[in-house]
């Protein structure tokens, strides 16, 4: 059961053509009620498109996700794989600040990394 639920956080293949996968964030609240495990959402693979990663990451945190996996590359157009879904480093830096604001709005926080860089 958990493998099926977890796979949905990377998106599921549907007939929709607006993104590579459909990232169903509505599963986050019920899974949080059923499990003590942290929920990590992958909007990079879940959408496959750079312009959709940021809004879906924000939405994932707002829905209660405990973390997000974001692909970052200094030159996404030259990446050997997944360049279309990779954020530029400056986009990632901005996103982290936005995720902190979203988390604060719902009484949560995004901790600093151990290196203090994000």
PDB file of N, CA and C in Angstrom:
ATOM      1  N   UNK A   1       0.819  -1.198   0.000  1.00  0.00           N
ATOM      2  CA  UNK A   1       0.000   0.000   0.000  1.00  0.00           C
ATOM      3  C   UNK A   1       0.855   1.252   0.000  1.00  0.00           C
ATOM      4  N   UNK A   2       1.927   1.270   0.829  1.00  0.00           N
ATOM      5  CA  UNK A   2       2.730   2.488   0.914  1.00  0.00           C
ATOM      6  C   UNK A   2       3.447   2.792  -0.387  1.00  0.00           C
ATOM      7  N   UNK A   3       3.897   1.765  -1.092  1.00  0.00           N
ATOM      8  CA  UNK A   3       4.588   2.003  -2.356  1.00  0.00           C
ATOM      9  C   UNK A   3       3.661   2.686  -3.347  1.00  0.00           C
ATOM     10  N   UNK A   4       2.405   2.306  -3.356  1.00  0.00           N
ATOM     11  CA  UNK A   4       1.438   2.931  -4.266  1.00  0.00           C
ATOM     12  C   UNK A   4       1.221   4.387  -3.880  1.00  0.00           C
ATOM     13  N   UNK A   5       1.037   4.651  -2.601  1.00  0.00           N
ATOM     14  CA  UNK A   5       0.796   6.024  -2.160  1.00  0.00           C
ATOM     15  C   UNK A   5       2.017   6.907  -2.380  1.00  0.00           C
ATOM     16  N   UNK A   6       3.189   6.396  -2.051  1.00  0.00           N
ATOM     17  CA  UNK A   6       4.398   7.189  -2.209  1.00  0.00           C
ATOM     18  C   UNK A   6       4.643   7.516  -3.679  1.00  0.00           C
ATOM     19  N   UNK A   7       4.367   6.592  -4.581  1.00  0.00           N
ATOM     20  CA  UNK A   7       4.630   6.850  -5.990  1.00  0.00           C
ATOM     21  C   UNK A   7       3.799   8.007  -6.518  1.00  0.00           C
ATOM     22  N   UNK A   8       2.660   8.257  -5.914  1.00  0.00           N
ATOM     23  CA  UNK A   8       1.823   9.358  -6.375  1.00  0.00           C
ATOM     24  C   UNK A   8       2.449  10.714  -6.078  1.00  0.00           C
ATOM     25  N   UNK A   9       3.374  10.788  -5.158  1.00  0.00           N
ATOM     26  CA  UNK A   9       3.996  12.059  -4.848  1.00  0.00           C
ATOM     27  C   UNK A   9       5.030  12.456  -5.897  1.00  0.00           C
ATOM     28  N   UNK A  10       5.303  11.567  -6.827  1.00  0.00           N
ATOM     29  CA  UNK A  10       6.133  11.903  -7.982  1.00  0.00           C
ATOM     30  C   UNK A  10       5.257  12.153  -9.189  1.00  0.00           C
ATOM     31  N   UNK A  11       3.972  12.011  -9.018  1.00  0.00           N
ATOM     32  CA  UNK A  11       3.039  12.192 -10.114  1.00  0.00           C
ATOM     33  C   UNK A  11       2.648  10.866 -10.720  1.00  0.00           C
ATOM     34  N   UNK A  12       1.492  10.841 -11.327  1.00  0.00           N
ATOM     35  CA  UNK A  12       1.006   9.648 -12.007  1.00  0.00           C
ATOM     36  C   UNK A  12       0.757   9.997 -13.466  1.00  0.00           C
ATOM     37  N   UNK A  13       0.968   9.041 -14.319  1.00  0.00           N
ATOM     38  CA  UNK A  13       0.769   9.250 -15.753  1.00  0.00           C
ATOM     39  C   UNK A  13      -0.722   9.258 -16.044  1.00  0.00           C
ATOM     40  N   UNK A  14      -1.183  10.310 -16.699  1.00  0.00           N
ATOM     41  CA  UNK A  14      -2.586  10.428 -17.092  1.00  0.00           C
ATOM     42  C   UNK A  14      -2.637  10.837 -18.558  1.00  0.00           C
ATOM     43  N   UNK A  15      -3.817  11.110 -19.039  1.00  0.00           N
ATOM     44  CA  UNK A  15      -3.978  11.547 -20.421  1.00  0.00           C
ATOM     45  C   UNK A  15      -3.808  13.060 -20.569  1.00  0.00           C
ATOM     46  N   UNK A  16      -3.596  13.741 -19.478  1.00  0.00           N
ATOM     47  CA  UNK A  16      -3.387  15.185 -19.520  1.00  0.00           C
ATOM     48  C   UNK A  16      -2.092  15.498 -20.259  1.00  0.00           C
ATOM     49  N   UNK A  17      -2.088  16.571 -21.018  1.00  0.00           N
ATOM     50  CA  UNK A  17      -0.878  16.918 -21.763  1.00  0.00           C
ATOM     51  C   UNK A  17      -0.245  18.235 -21.304  1.00  0.00           C
ATOM     52  N   UNK A  18      -0.695  18.786 -20.187  1.00  0.00           N
ATOM     53  CA  UNK A  18      -0.123  20.041 -19.694  1.00  0.00           C
ATOM     54  C   UNK A  18       1.161  19.839 -18.893  1.00  0.00           C
ATOM     55  N   UNK A  19       1.453  18.593 -18.522  1.00  0.00           N
ATOM     56  CA  UNK A  19       2.699  18.262 -17.834  1.00  0.00           C
ATOM     57  C   UNK A  19       2.988  16.781 -18.059  1.00  0.00           C
ATOM     58  N   UNK A  20       4.198  16.373 -17.701  1.00  0.00           N
ATOM     59  CA  UNK A  20       4.564  14.972 -17.910  1.00  0.00           C
ATOM     60  C   UNK A  20       3.680  14.046 -17.087  1.00  0.00           C
ATOM     61  N   UNK A  21       3.467  14.379 -15.819  1.00  0.00           N
ATOM     62  CA  UNK A  21       2.638  13.589 -14.916  1.00  0.00           C
ATOM     63  C   UNK A  21       1.612  14.505 -14.254  1.00  0.00           C
ATOM     64  N   UNK A  22       0.648  13.905 -13.593  1.00  0.00           N
ATOM     65  CA  UNK A  22      -0.297  14.664 -12.789  1.00  0.00           C
ATOM     66  C   UNK A  22       0.114  14.491 -11.337  1.00  0.00           C
ATOM     67  N   UNK A  23       0.409  15.584 -10.676  1.00  0.00           N
ATOM     68  CA  UNK A  23       0.882  15.562  -9.294  1.00  0.00           C
ATOM     69  C   UNK A  23      -0.322  15.792  -8.383  1.00  0.00           C
ATOM     70  N   UNK A  24      -0.866  14.729  -7.828  1.00  0.00           N
ATOM     71  CA  UNK A  24      -2.084  14.790  -7.024  1.00  0.00           C
ATOM     72  C   UNK A  24      -1.741  15.100  -5.573  1.00  0.00           C
ATOM     73  N   UNK A  25      -1.775  16.374  -5.219  1.00  0.00           N
ATOM     74  CA  UNK A  25      -1.429  16.790  -3.866  1.00  0.00           C
ATOM     75  C   UNK A  25      -2.560  16.544  -2.873  1.00  0.00           C
ATOM     76  N   UNK A  26      -3.731  16.179  -3.373  1.00  0.00           N
ATOM     77  CA  UNK A  26      -4.855  15.921  -2.464  1.00  0.00           C
ATOM     78  C   UNK A  26      -4.645  14.669  -1.619  1.00  0.00           C
ATOM     79  N   UNK A  27      -3.651  13.852  -1.963  1.00  0.00           N
ATOM     80  CA  UNK A  27      -3.388  12.648  -1.171  1.00  0.00           C
ATOM     81  C   UNK A  27      -2.557  12.943   0.086  1.00  0.00           C
ATOM     82  N   UNK A  28      -1.969  14.129   0.180  1.00  0.00           N
ATOM     83  CA  UNK A  28      -1.102  14.428   1.325  1.00  0.00           C
ATOM     84  C   UNK A  28      -1.858  14.400   2.655  1.00  0.00           C
ATOM     85  N   UNK A  29      -2.958  15.129   2.817  1.00  0.00           N
ATOM     86  CA  UNK A  29      -3.637  15.106   4.128  1.00  0.00           C
ATOM     87  C   UNK A  29      -4.089  13.717   4.582  1.00  0.00           C
ATOM     88  N   UNK A  30      -4.713  12.905   3.724  1.00  0.00           N
ATOM     89  CA  UNK A  30      -5.115  11.587   4.234  1.00  0.00           C
ATOM     90  C   UNK A  30      -3.929  10.674   4.568  1.00  0.00           C
ATOM     91  N   UNK A  31      -2.853  10.756   3.809  1.00  0.00           N
ATOM     92  CA  UNK A  31      -1.692   9.923   4.122  1.00  0.00           C
ATOM     93  C   UNK A  31      -1.072  10.375   5.434  1.00  0.00           C
ATOM     94  N   UNK A  32      -1.065  11.673   5.700  1.00  0.00           N
ATOM     95  CA  UNK A  32      -0.545  12.167   6.980  1.00  0.00           C
ATOM     96  C   UNK A  32      -1.382  11.638   8.138  1.00  0.00           C
ATOM     97  N   UNK A  33      -2.672  11.467   7.927  1.00  0.00           N
ATOM     98  CA  UNK A  33      -3.527  10.917   8.978  1.00  0.00           C
ATOM     99  C   UNK A  33      -3.281   9.424   9.182  1.00  0.00           C
ATOM    100  N   UNK A  34      -2.919   8.717   8.115  1.00  0.00           N
ATOM    101  CA  UNK A  34      -2.732   7.270   8.183  1.00  0.00           C
ATOM    102  C   UNK A  34      -1.341   6.851   8.648  1.00  0.00           C
ATOM    103  N   UNK A  35      -0.365   7.739   8.519  1.00  0.00           N
ATOM    104  CA  UNK A  35       1.013   7.338   8.739  1.00  0.00           C
ATOM    105  C   UNK A  35       1.778   8.339   9.588  1.00  0.00           C
ATOM    106  N   UNK A  36       2.779   7.835  10.262  1.00  0.00           N
ATOM    107  CA  UNK A  36       3.706   8.690  11.006  1.00  0.00           C
ATOM    108  C   UNK A  36       4.913   9.080  10.141  1.00  0.00           C
ATOM    109  N   UNK A  37       4.986   8.523   8.937  1.00  0.00           N
ATOM    110  CA  UNK A  37       6.139   8.745   8.064  1.00  0.00           C
ATOM    111  C   UNK A  37       6.119  10.136   7.445  1.00  0.00           C
ATOM    112  N   UNK A  38       7.291  10.736   7.227  1.00  0.00           N
ATOM    113  CA  UNK A  38       7.330  12.036   6.546  1.00  0.00           C
ATOM    114  C   UNK A  38       6.922  11.880   5.080  1.00  0.00           C
ATOM    115  N   UNK A  39       6.312  12.907   4.559  1.00  0.00           N
ATOM    116  CA  UNK A  39       5.873  12.912   3.166  1.00  0.00           C
ATOM    117  C   UNK A  39       6.738  13.890   2.391  1.00  0.00           C
ATOM    118  N   UNK A  40       7.391  13.374   1.362  1.00  0.00           N
ATOM    119  CA  UNK A  40       8.249  14.191   0.511  1.00  0.00           C
ATOM    120  C   UNK A  40       7.668  14.157  -0.897  1.00  0.00           C
ATOM    121  N   UNK A  41       7.457  15.340  -1.459  1.00  0.00           N
ATOM    122  CA  UNK A  41       6.860  15.484  -2.786  1.00  0.00           C
ATOM    123  C   UNK A  41       7.953  15.875  -3.773  1.00  0.00           C
ATOM    124  N   UNK A  42       7.867  15.342  -4.965  1.00  0.00           N
ATOM    125  CA  UNK A  42       8.852  15.599  -6.015  1.00  0.00           C
ATOM    126  C   UNK A  42       8.194  16.361  -7.167  1.00  0.00           C
ATOM    127  N   UNK A  43       8.078  17.689  -7.048  1.00  0.00           N
ATOM    128  CA  UNK A  43       7.439  18.435  -8.130  1.00  0.00           C
ATOM    129  C   UNK A  43       8.279  18.504  -9.405  1.00  0.00           C
ATOM    130  N   UNK A  44       9.567  18.233  -9.302  1.00  0.00           N
ATOM    131  CA  UNK A  44      10.405  18.211 -10.505  1.00  0.00           C
ATOM    132  C   UNK A  44       9.974  17.071 -11.421  1.00  0.00           C
ATOM    133  N   UNK A  45       9.950  15.842 -10.893  1.00  0.00           N
ATOM    134  CA  UNK A  45       9.510  14.697 -11.693  1.00  0.00           C
ATOM    135  C   UNK A  45       7.992  14.679 -11.835  1.00  0.00           C
ATOM    136  N   UNK A  46       7.302  15.190 -10.829  1.00  0.00           N
ATOM    137  CA  UNK A  46       5.844  15.172 -10.856  1.00  0.00           C
ATOM    138  C   UNK A  46       5.246  15.981 -11.978  1.00  0.00           C
ATOM    139  N   UNK A  47       5.960  17.020 -12.413  1.00  0.00           N
ATOM    140  CA  UNK A  47       5.449  17.856 -13.512  1.00  0.00           C
ATOM    141  C   UNK A  47       6.318  17.748 -14.762  1.00  0.00           C
ATOM    142  N   UNK A  48       7.625  17.628 -14.561  1.00  0.00           N
ATOM    143  CA  UNK A  48       8.546  17.535 -15.692  1.00  0.00           C
ATOM    144  C   UNK A  48       8.827  18.851 -16.383  1.00  0.00           C
ATOM    145  N   UNK A  49       8.289  19.956 -15.843  1.00  0.00           N
ATOM    146  CA  UNK A  49       8.452  21.265 -16.486  1.00  0.00           C
ATOM    147  C   UNK A  49       8.864  22.313 -15.466  1.00  0.00           C
ATOM    148  N   UNK A  50       9.939  23.012 -15.751  1.00  0.00           N
ATOM    149  CA  UNK A  50      10.495  24.014 -14.843  1.00  0.00           C
ATOM    150  C   UNK A  50       9.461  25.026 -14.363  1.00  0.00           C
ATOM    151  N   UNK A  51       8.608  25.523 -15.253  1.00  0.00           N
ATOM    152  CA  UNK A  51       7.658  26.572 -14.861  1.00  0.00           C
ATOM    153  C   UNK A  51       6.551  26.064 -13.939  1.00  0.00           C
ATOM    154  N   UNK A  52       6.441  24.762 -13.790  1.00  0.00           N
ATOM    155  CA  UNK A  52       5.424  24.200 -12.897  1.00  0.00           C
ATOM    156  C   UNK A  52       6.010  23.756 -11.555  1.00  0.00           C
ATOM    157  N   UNK A  53       7.316  23.619 -11.467  1.00  0.00           N
ATOM    158  CA  UNK A  53       7.958  23.118 -10.251  1.00  0.00           C
ATOM    159  C   UNK A  53       7.720  24.054  -9.071  1.00  0.00           C
ATOM    160  N   UNK A  54       7.932  25.338  -9.255  1.00  0.00           N
ATOM    161  CA  UNK A  54       7.812  26.287  -8.145  1.00  0.00           C
ATOM    162  C   UNK A  54       6.390  26.348  -7.595  1.00  0.00           C
ATOM    163  N   UNK A  55       5.364  26.550  -8.421  1.00  0.00           N
ATOM    164  CA  UNK A  55       4.014  26.597  -7.832  1.00  0.00           C
ATOM    165  C   UNK A  55       3.586  25.279  -7.184  1.00  0.00           C
ATOM    166  N   UNK A  56       4.009  24.147  -7.734  1.00  0.00           N
ATOM    167  CA  UNK A  56       3.624  22.872  -7.140  1.00  0.00           C
ATOM    168  C   UNK A  56       4.385  22.605  -5.848  1.00  0.00           C
ATOM    169  N   UNK A  57       5.616  23.086  -5.743  1.00  0.00           N
ATOM    170  CA  UNK A  57       6.365  22.958  -4.487  1.00  0.00           C
ATOM    171  C   UNK A  57       5.685  23.782  -3.395  1.00  0.00           C
ATOM    172  N   UNK A  58       5.278  25.004  -3.740  1.00  0.00           N
ATOM    173  CA  UNK A  58       4.559  25.841  -2.771  1.00  0.00           C
ATOM    174  C   UNK A  58       3.287  25.139  -2.306  1.00  0.00           C
ATOM    175  N   UNK A  59       2.540  24.604  -3.269  1.00  0.00           N
ATOM    176  CA  UNK A  59       1.276  23.935  -2.957  1.00  0.00           C
ATOM    177  C   UNK A  59       1.506  22.695  -2.100  1.00  0.00           C
ATOM    178  N   UNK A  60       2.579  21.965  -2.361  1.00  0.00           N
ATOM    179  CA  UNK A  60       2.878  20.763  -1.582  1.00  0.00           C
ATOM    180  C   UNK A  60       3.108  21.109  -0.115  1.00  0.00           C
ATOM    181  N   UNK A  61       3.867  22.163   0.141  1.00  0.00           N
ATOM    182  CA  UNK A  61       4.116  22.580   1.518  1.00  0.00           C
ATOM    183  C   UNK A  61       2.814  23.057   2.157  1.00  0.00           C
ATOM    184  N   UNK A  62       2.021  23.815   1.414  1.00  0.00           N
ATOM    185  CA  UNK A  62       0.737  24.289   1.936  1.00  0.00           C
ATOM    186  C   UNK A  62      -0.190  23.126   2.269  1.00  0.00           C
ATOM    187  N   UNK A  63      -0.097  22.034   1.511  1.00  0.00           N
ATOM    188  CA  UNK A  63      -0.942  20.861   1.745  1.00  0.00           C
ATOM    189  C   UNK A  63      -0.432  19.985   2.884  1.00  0.00           C
ATOM    190  N   UNK A  64       0.765  20.288   3.396  1.00  0.00           N
ATOM    191  CA  UNK A  64       1.276  19.556   4.542  1.00  0.00           C
ATOM    192  C   UNK A  64       2.481  18.680   4.293  1.00  0.00           C
ATOM    193  N   UNK A  65       3.065  18.727   3.106  1.00  0.00           N
ATOM    194  CA  UNK A  65       4.259  17.918   2.835  1.00  0.00           C
ATOM    195  C   UNK A  65       5.371  18.284   3.811  1.00  0.00           C
ATOM    196  N   UNK A  66       6.147  17.288   4.181  1.00  0.00           N
ATOM    197  CA  UNK A  66       7.263  17.494   5.100  1.00  0.00           C
ATOM    198  C   UNK A  66       8.548  17.870   4.379  1.00  0.00           C
ATOM    199  N   UNK A  67       8.567  17.702   3.072  1.00  0.00           N
ATOM    200  CA  UNK A  67       9.741  18.051   2.295  1.00  0.00           C
ATOM    201  C   UNK A  67       9.432  18.007   0.816  1.00  0.00           C
ATOM    202  N   UNK A  68      10.317  18.591   0.034  1.00  0.00           N
ATOM    203  CA  UNK A  68      10.209  18.553  -1.423  1.00  0.00           C
ATOM    204  C   UNK A  68      11.577  18.184  -1.992  1.00  0.00           C
ATOM    205  N   UNK A  69      11.544  17.504  -3.118  1.00  0.00           N
ATOM    206  CA  UNK A  69      12.779  17.182  -3.847  1.00  0.00           C
ATOM    207  C   UNK A  69      12.779  18.053  -5.094  1.00  0.00           C
ATOM    208  N   UNK A  70      13.788  18.883  -5.227  1.00  0.00           N
ATOM    209  CA  UNK A  70      13.848  19.823  -6.338  1.00  0.00           C
ATOM    210  C   UNK A  70      15.160  19.619  -7.086  1.00  0.00           C
ATOM    211  N   UNK A  71      15.065  19.453  -8.391  1.00  0.00           N
ATOM    212  CA  UNK A  71      16.283  19.352  -9.199  1.00  0.00           C
ATOM    213  C   UNK A  71      16.772  20.749  -9.544  1.00  0.00           C
ATOM    214  N   UNK A  72      18.083  20.952  -9.398  1.00  0.00           N
ATOM    215  CA  UNK A  72      18.721  22.234  -9.666  1.00  0.00           C
ATOM    216  C   UNK A  72      19.946  21.971 -10.533  1.00  0.00           C
ATOM    217  N   UNK A  73      20.152  22.837 -11.518  1.00  0.00           N
ATOM    218  CA  UNK A  73      21.316  22.685 -12.399  1.00  0.00           C
ATOM    219  C   UNK A  73      21.748  24.078 -12.849  1.00  0.00           C
ATOM    220  N   UNK A  74      23.053  24.356 -12.867  1.00  0.00           N
ATOM    221  CA  UNK A  74      23.513  25.686 -13.293  1.00  0.00           C
ATOM    222  C   UNK A  74      23.234  25.967 -14.768  1.00  0.00           C
ATOM    223  N   UNK A  75      23.156  24.933 -15.579  1.00  0.00           N
ATOM    224  CA  UNK A  75      22.853  25.086 -17.002  1.00  0.00           C
ATOM    225  C   UNK A  75      21.869  23.980 -17.424  1.00  0.00           C
ATOM    226  N   UNK A  76      20.591  24.134 -17.062  1.00  0.00           N
ATOM    227  CA  UNK A  76      19.623  23.067 -17.336  1.00  0.00           C
ATOM    228  C   UNK A  76      19.562  22.635 -18.802  1.00  0.00           C
ATOM    229  N   UNK A  77      19.764  23.562 -19.720  1.00  0.00           N
ATOM    230  CA  UNK A  77      19.700  23.215 -21.134  1.00  0.00           C
ATOM    231  C   UNK A  77      20.853  22.306 -21.558  1.00  0.00           C
ATOM    232  N   UNK A  78      21.896  22.236 -20.750  1.00  0.00           N
ATOM    233  CA  UNK A  78      23.031  21.366 -21.048  1.00  0.00           C
ATOM    234  C   UNK A  78      23.065  20.132 -20.151  1.00  0.00           C
ATOM    235  N   UNK A  79      22.061  19.981 -19.287  1.00  0.00           N
ATOM    236  CA  UNK A  79      22.027  18.835 -18.381  1.00  0.00           C
ATOM    237  C   UNK A  79      21.920  17.536 -19.176  1.00  0.00           C
ATOM    238  N   UNK A  80      22.565  16.493 -18.686  1.00  0.00           N
ATOM    239  CA  UNK A  80      22.526  15.204 -19.367  1.00  0.00           C
ATOM    240  C   UNK A  80      21.162  14.534 -19.228  1.00  0.00           C
ATOM    241  N   UNK A  81      20.411  14.899 -18.199  1.00  0.00           N
ATOM    242  CA  UNK A  81      19.048  14.392 -18.044  1.00  0.00           C
ATOM    243  C   UNK A  81      18.229  15.381 -17.232  1.00  0.00           C
ATOM    244  N   UNK A  82      16.954  15.375 -17.465  1.00  0.00           N
ATOM    245  CA  UNK A  82      15.977  16.142 -16.686  1.00  0.00           C
ATOM    246  C   UNK A  82      16.208  17.653 -16.675  1.00  0.00           C
ATOM    247  N   UNK A  83      16.840  18.184 -17.674  1.00  0.00           N
ATOM    248  CA  UNK A  83      17.081  19.618 -17.722  1.00  0.00           C
ATOM    249  C   UNK A  83      15.812  20.441 -17.777  1.00  0.00           C
ATOM    250  N   UNK A  84      14.805  19.942 -18.454  1.00  0.00           N
ATOM    251  CA  UNK A  84      13.551  20.699 -18.607  1.00  0.00           C
ATOM    252  C   UNK A  84      12.838  20.915 -17.281  1.00  0.00           C
ATOM    253  N   UNK A  85      13.139  20.090 -16.289  1.00  0.00           N
ATOM    254  CA  UNK A  85      12.476  20.220 -14.990  1.00  0.00           C
ATOM    255  C   UNK A  85      13.397  20.788 -13.917  1.00  0.00           C
ATOM    256  N   UNK A  86      14.616  21.104 -14.275  1.00  0.00           N
ATOM    257  CA  UNK A  86      15.590  21.602 -13.304  1.00  0.00           C
ATOM    258  C   UNK A  86      15.502  23.109 -13.162  1.00  0.00           C
ATOM    259  N   UNK A  87      15.525  23.572 -11.920  1.00  0.00           N
ATOM    260  CA  UNK A  87      15.552  25.006 -11.656  1.00  0.00           C
ATOM    261  C   UNK A  87      16.977  25.520 -11.771  1.00  0.00           C
ATOM    262  N   UNK A  88      17.100  26.793 -12.108  1.00  0.00           N
ATOM    263  CA  UNK A  88      18.383  27.472 -12.031  1.00  0.00           C
ATOM    264  C   UNK A  88      18.665  27.721 -10.542  1.00  0.00           C
ATOM    265  N   UNK A  89      19.936  27.810 -10.134  1.00  0.00           N
ATOM    266  CA  UNK A  89      20.239  28.030  -8.722  1.00  0.00           C
ATOM    267  C   UNK A  89      19.542  29.247  -8.126  1.00  0.00           C
ATOM    268  N   UNK A  90      19.447  30.353  -8.858  1.00  0.00           N
ATOM    269  CA  UNK A  90      18.778  31.532  -8.305  1.00  0.00           C
ATOM    270  C   UNK A  90      17.276  31.300  -8.117  1.00  0.00           C
ATOM    271  N   UNK A  91      16.664  30.501  -8.979  1.00  0.00           N
ATOM    272  CA  UNK A  91      15.257  30.146  -8.799  1.00  0.00           C
ATOM    273  C   UNK A  91      15.077  29.312  -7.534  1.00  0.00           C
ATOM    274  N   UNK A  92      16.011  28.398  -7.298  1.00  0.00           N
ATOM    275  CA  UNK A  92      15.936  27.566  -6.109  1.00  0.00           C
ATOM    276  C   UNK A  92      16.072  28.404  -4.842  1.00  0.00           C
ATOM    277  N   UNK A  93      17.011  29.335  -4.843  1.00  0.00           N
ATOM    278  CA  UNK A  93      17.197  30.204  -3.683  1.00  0.00           C
ATOM    279  C   UNK A  93      15.921  30.982  -3.389  1.00  0.00           C
ATOM    280  N   UNK A  94      15.310  31.525  -4.428  1.00  0.00           N
ATOM    281  CA  UNK A  94      14.055  32.260  -4.251  1.00  0.00           C
ATOM    282  C   UNK A  94      12.953  31.330  -3.736  1.00  0.00           C
ATOM    283  N   UNK A  95      12.885  30.114  -4.282  1.00  0.00           N
ATOM    284  CA  UNK A  95      11.869  29.157  -3.865  1.00  0.00           C
ATOM    285  C   UNK A  95      11.994  28.817  -2.388  1.00  0.00           C
ATOM    286  N   UNK A  96      13.199  28.617  -1.902  1.00  0.00           N
ATOM    287  CA  UNK A  96      13.381  28.281  -0.487  1.00  0.00           C
ATOM    288  C   UNK A  96      12.781  29.377   0.391  1.00  0.00           C
ATOM    289  N   UNK A  97      13.013  30.620   0.042  1.00  0.00           N
ATOM    290  CA  UNK A  97      12.417  31.720   0.794  1.00  0.00           C
ATOM    291  C   UNK A  97      10.900  31.689   0.742  1.00  0.00           C
ATOM    292  N   UNK A  98      10.355  31.383  -0.422  1.00  0.00           N
ATOM    293  CA  UNK A  98       8.904  31.302  -0.574  1.00  0.00           C
ATOM    294  C   UNK A  98       8.338  30.131   0.225  1.00  0.00           C
ATOM    295  N   UNK A  99       9.052  29.001   0.237  1.00  0.00           N
ATOM    296  CA  UNK A  99       8.579  27.850   1.007  1.00  0.00           C
ATOM    297  C   UNK A  99       8.601  28.147   2.499  1.00  0.00           C
ATOM    298  N   UNK A 100       9.581  28.900   2.940  1.00  0.00           N
ATOM    299  CA  UNK A 100       9.615  29.314   4.349  1.00  0.00           C
ATOM    300  C   UNK A 100       8.397  30.179   4.680  1.00  0.00           C
ATOM    301  N   UNK A 101       8.030  31.071   3.769  1.00  0.00           N
ATOM    302  CA  UNK A 101       6.861  31.933   4.002  1.00  0.00           C
ATOM    303  C   UNK A 101       5.564  31.119   4.022  1.00  0.00           C
ATOM    304  N   UNK A 102       5.431  30.169   3.092  1.00  0.00           N
ATOM    305  CA  UNK A 102       4.240  29.317   3.066  1.00  0.00           C
ATOM    306  C   UNK A 102       4.164  28.506   4.351  1.00  0.00           C
ATOM    307  N   UNK A 103       5.275  27.908   4.742  1.00  0.00           N
ATOM    308  CA  UNK A 103       5.292  27.105   5.965  1.00  0.00           C
ATOM    309  C   UNK A 103       4.929  27.951   7.183  1.00  0.00           C
ATOM    310  N   UNK A 104       5.479  29.150   7.277  1.00  0.00           N
ATOM    311  CA  UNK A 104       5.183  30.030   8.408  1.00  0.00           C
ATOM    312  C   UNK A 104       3.696  30.385   8.453  1.00  0.00           C
ATOM    313  N   UNK A 105       3.087  30.545   7.290  1.00  0.00           N
ATOM    314  CA  UNK A 105       1.667  30.903   7.230  1.00  0.00           C
ATOM    315  C   UNK A 105       0.774  29.804   7.797  1.00  0.00           C
ATOM    316  N   UNK A 106       1.265  28.561   7.807  1.00  0.00           N
ATOM    317  CA  UNK A 106       0.466  27.463   8.352  1.00  0.00           C
ATOM    318  C   UNK A 106       1.069  26.908   9.649  1.00  0.00           C
ATOM    319  N   UNK A 107       1.920  27.697  10.279  1.00  0.00           N
ATOM    320  CA  UNK A 107       2.465  27.324  11.579  1.00  0.00           C
ATOM    321  C   UNK A 107       3.569  26.292  11.550  1.00  0.00           C
ATOM    322  N   UNK A 108       4.282  26.193  10.437  1.00  0.00           N
ATOM    323  CA  UNK A 108       5.396  25.258  10.323  1.00  0.00           C
ATOM    324  C   UNK A 108       6.646  26.047   9.968  1.00  0.00           C
ATOM    325  N   UNK A 109       7.782  25.365   9.864  1.00  0.00           N
ATOM    326  CA  UNK A 109       8.988  26.068   9.440  1.00  0.00           C
ATOM    327  C   UNK A 109       9.829  25.193   8.526  1.00  0.00           C
ATOM    328  N   UNK A 110      10.687  25.839   7.768  1.00  0.00           N
ATOM    329  CA  UNK A 110      11.659  25.156   6.918  1.00  0.00           C
ATOM    330  C   UNK A 110      13.008  25.442   7.558  1.00  0.00           C
ATOM    331  N   UNK A 111      13.635  24.413   8.145  1.00  0.00           N
ATOM    332  CA  UNK A 111      14.891  24.649   8.845  1.00  0.00           C
ATOM    333  C   UNK A 111      16.026  24.994   7.896  1.00  0.00           C
ATOM    334  N   UNK A 112      17.010  25.673   8.406  1.00  0.00           N
ATOM    335  CA  UNK A 112      18.220  25.954   7.655  1.00  0.00           C
ATOM    336  C   UNK A 112      18.970  24.659   7.448  1.00  0.00           C
ATOM    337  N   UNK A 113      19.676  24.571   6.320  1.00  0.00           N
ATOM    338  CA  UNK A 113      20.517  23.400   6.098  1.00  0.00           C
ATOM    339  C   UNK A 113      21.685  23.458   7.070  1.00  0.00           C
ATOM    340  N   UNK A 114      22.360  22.338   7.241  1.00  0.00           N
ATOM    341  CA  UNK A 114      23.492  22.314   8.151  1.00  0.00           C
ATOM    342  C   UNK A 114      24.586  23.272   7.728  1.00  0.00           C
ATOM    343  N   UNK A 115      24.729  23.454   6.417  1.00  0.00           N
ATOM    344  CA  UNK A 115      25.738  24.375   5.923  1.00  0.00           C
ATOM    345  C   UNK A 115      25.252  25.814   5.990  1.00  0.00           C
ATOM    346  N   UNK A 116      23.939  25.995   6.222  1.00  0.00           N
ATOM    347  CA  UNK A 116      23.374  27.329   6.318  1.00  0.00           C
ATOM    348  C   UNK A 116      23.202  28.005   4.971  1.00  0.00           C
ATOM    349  N   UNK A 117      23.210  27.241   3.891  1.00  0.00           N
ATOM    350  CA  UNK A 117      23.148  27.841   2.557  1.00  0.00           C
ATOM    351  C   UNK A 117      21.755  27.882   1.973  1.00  0.00           C
ATOM    352  N   UNK A 118      20.814  27.161   2.525  1.00  0.00           N
ATOM    353  CA  UNK A 118      19.462  27.166   1.948  1.00  0.00           C
ATOM    354  C   UNK A 118      18.419  27.278   3.013  1.00  0.00           C
TER     355      UNK A 118
END
